[in-house]
Amino acid sequence: MPQWYVGMNAKDEIILGAGVIGNNYHKRKDLTPNVYALYVEENYWKQRLASIILNFIRQDFERSER
């Protein structure tokens, strides 16, 4: 960590991204990892992309057991 995730459209343009860090300025070790940043280009709002990338991140961390 940190880990960054990006999503691209068919034109290879970045349209969404999210960052994950180990600690978001708190003392609770049981509340990690933390999504630090999440961004979706306005033209892609209301397409569930934030939900999709957050679900992907969750699954990625479950697979790797970081």
C-alpha atoms as a PDB file:
ATOM      1  CA  MET A   1       0.000   0.000   0.000  1.00  0.00           C
ATOM      2  CA  PRO A   2      -0.736   2.599  -1.168  1.00  0.00           C
ATOM      3  CA  GLN A   3      -2.558   1.087  -4.110  1.00  0.00           C
ATOM      4  CA  TRP A   4      -4.118   2.974  -7.023  1.00  0.00           C
ATOM      5  CA  TYR A   5      -6.855   1.831  -9.389  1.00  0.00           C
ATOM      6  CA  VAL A   6      -7.894   3.475 -12.654  1.00  0.00           C
ATOM      7  CA  GLY A   7     -10.633   2.855 -15.192  1.00  0.00           C
ATOM      8  CA  MET A   8     -10.385   3.802 -18.829  1.00  0.00           C
ATOM      9  CA  ASN A   9     -12.859   4.203 -21.653  1.00  0.00           C
ATOM     10  CA  ALA A  10     -12.594   2.787 -25.178  1.00  0.00           C
ATOM     11  CA  LYS A  11     -10.374   5.752 -26.178  1.00  0.00           C
ATOM     12  CA  ASP A  12      -7.860   4.868 -23.414  1.00  0.00           C
ATOM     13  CA  GLU A  13      -8.823   7.979 -21.432  1.00  0.00           C
ATOM     14  CA  ILE A  14      -8.861   7.738 -17.652  1.00  0.00           C
ATOM     15  CA  ILE A  15     -12.467   8.142 -16.528  1.00  0.00           C
ATOM     16  CA  LEU A  16     -12.277   7.002 -12.918  1.00  0.00           C
ATOM     17  CA  GLY A  17      -9.793   6.298 -10.209  1.00  0.00           C
ATOM     18  CA  ALA A  18      -9.479   5.336  -6.577  1.00  0.00           C
ATOM     19  CA  GLY A  19      -6.659   5.206  -4.076  1.00  0.00           C
ATOM     20  CA  VAL A  20      -6.295   2.907  -1.087  1.00  0.00           C
ATOM     21  CA  ILE A  21      -4.067   3.511   1.921  1.00  0.00           C
ATOM     22  CA  GLY A  22      -3.413   1.592   5.098  1.00  0.00           C
ATOM     23  CA  ASN A  23      -4.409   4.280   7.560  1.00  0.00           C
ATOM     24  CA  ASN A  24      -6.651   7.285   7.074  1.00  0.00           C
ATOM     25  CA  TYR A  25      -5.315   9.204  10.100  1.00  0.00           C
ATOM     26  CA  HIS A  26      -6.983   7.077  12.749  1.00  0.00           C
ATOM     27  CA  LYS A  27      -5.648   4.716  15.403  1.00  0.00           C
ATOM     28  CA  ARG A  28      -7.934   1.742  14.735  1.00  0.00           C
ATOM     29  CA  LYS A  29      -5.866  -0.942  13.021  1.00  0.00           C
ATOM     30  CA  ASP A  30      -9.040  -2.993  12.442  1.00  0.00           C
ATOM     31  CA  LEU A  31     -10.356  -0.328  10.038  1.00  0.00           C
ATOM     32  CA  THR A  32      -7.890  -0.835   7.228  1.00  0.00           C
ATOM     33  CA  PRO A  33      -7.503  -0.551   4.297  1.00  0.00           C
ATOM     34  CA  ASN A  34      -9.081   2.836   3.639  1.00  0.00           C
ATOM     35  CA  VAL A  35     -10.264   4.294   0.341  1.00  0.00           C
ATOM     36  CA  TYR A  36      -8.424   7.584   0.227  1.00  0.00           C
ATOM     37  CA  ALA A  37      -9.705   9.031  -3.019  1.00  0.00           C
ATOM     38  CA  LEU A  38     -12.490   8.218  -5.455  1.00  0.00           C
ATOM     39  CA  TYR A  39     -13.133  10.112  -8.680  1.00  0.00           C
ATOM     40  CA  VAL A  40     -15.447   9.587 -11.652  1.00  0.00           C
ATOM     41  CA  GLU A  41     -15.523  11.950 -14.628  1.00  0.00           C
ATOM     42  CA  GLU A  42     -18.836  13.818 -14.731  1.00  0.00           C
ATOM     43  CA  ASN A  43     -19.791  12.412 -18.146  1.00  0.00           C
ATOM     44  CA  TYR A  44     -19.760   8.937 -16.566  1.00  0.00           C
ATOM     45  CA  TRP A  45     -21.865   9.679 -13.490  1.00  0.00           C
ATOM     46  CA  LYS A  46     -25.006   7.609 -12.848  1.00  0.00           C
ATOM     47  CA  GLN A  47     -23.501   4.499 -14.455  1.00  0.00           C
ATOM     48  CA  ARG A  48     -22.660   2.743 -11.157  1.00  0.00           C
ATOM     49  CA  LEU A  49     -18.926   3.059 -11.878  1.00  0.00           C
ATOM     50  CA  ALA A  50     -18.063   4.122  -8.329  1.00  0.00           C
ATOM     51  CA  SER A  51     -19.867   1.079  -6.988  1.00  0.00           C
ATOM     52  CA  ILE A  52     -18.130  -1.160  -9.518  1.00  0.00           C
ATOM     53  CA  ILE A  53     -14.615   0.060  -8.708  1.00  0.00           C
ATOM     54  CA  LEU A  54     -15.246  -0.102  -4.943  1.00  0.00           C
ATOM     55  CA  ASN A  55     -16.478  -3.674  -5.306  1.00  0.00           C
ATOM     56  CA  PHE A  56     -13.420  -4.515  -7.421  1.00  0.00           C
ATOM     57  CA  ILE A  57     -11.115  -3.045  -4.757  1.00  0.00           C
ATOM     58  CA  ARG A  58     -12.841  -5.054  -2.032  1.00  0.00           C
ATOM     59  CA  GLN A  59     -12.468  -8.259  -4.040  1.00  0.00           C
ATOM     60  CA  ASP A  60      -8.839  -7.460  -4.883  1.00  0.00           C
ATOM     61  CA  PHE A  61      -7.978  -7.026  -1.213  1.00  0.00           C
ATOM     62  CA  GLU A  62      -9.851 -10.193  -0.257  1.00  0.00           C
ATOM     63  CA  ARG A  63      -7.881 -12.167  -2.870  1.00  0.00           C
ATOM     64  CA  SER A  64      -4.526 -10.820  -1.788  1.00  0.00           C
ATOM     65  CA  GLU A  65      -5.254 -10.734   1.969  1.00  0.00           C
ATOM     66  CA  ARG A  66      -3.075  -7.650   2.395  1.00  0.00           C
END
